Amino acid sequence: MSDHAVFDRLTRLYPSLAEMTPDAQRLMRESLQRIAAPANHVLFDLDSPCSAFILLDTGSIRVVKPALSGREILLYRLEPGDSCVLTASCLLGRTNYPARGVAETDLAAYMLPQPVFHRLMDASVPFRALVFHHFADRIADLMQLVEEVAFGQVDQRLAAYLAERAPLLQATHQQIADELGTVREVISRRLKQFEQLGLVQLARGQVRIYDRERLQQMAAPLRDSGH
């Protein structure tokens, strides 16, 4: 695929790019480096140097915070058209990553090397708009996550998690525990209780949700409290 074709494809995902000056567009076209990664590939890891800004073309990325115990909590997901606020923050602050990015599916992306990232940040208002577009939303999401982990009850958080994914969630108990920031044993116990109440049916690698309305009612105290 030619540089122009790649850039045209990216402008459909990141419209701000089309507003850059011809010089800025040319610099980006000449600097983009395509990467491909299979599902579960670690794209960046805790304390690793941050050397490039990623523009996701296809697939998705899970950004997680690992703990020394081996547990991890999901911070956010990246889809095509999103920008990674942790990557931008690390590039701007010239710091290492405080989290891990894992390919959730097979993916293709384009990397912009750090020197070019800084040149465009200095010279291009549309590029800065692209970088900062998701900051407010991501920070709000992260604050909500902190509140839920700190103050939310596991039952309420699990009920909300299941209700959002009705009627079928394909995930292991360990994966659910990782996303909710707890341990597998707790999730397995709560899911068994939910099954006995007729809310869900458990099978290997999946949870079928039968009563989304009751799960939403269980989660309501969490939402009503603002946590």
Foldseek 3Di string as FASTA:
>chain_A
DALVVVLVLLCVLQVLLVVWDPVLSVLQSVQKDKDKDAFFDWPFAAQAFQWWWKQWRAAKKWKWAADPVGFIATLDMDGHSAGDLQSVVCLVVVGGGRIIIGGRHTTMIIIGTSVSLVVCCVPTPSSVCSNCVCVVVSVVSNVLLVCCLVPNDPLLVVLVVPLVVPQKDQAQLQVVCRHNVHHSVVSVVSVVVCVVVVQWDDDVRMIGGDCSPVSVVSNVVVVVVVD
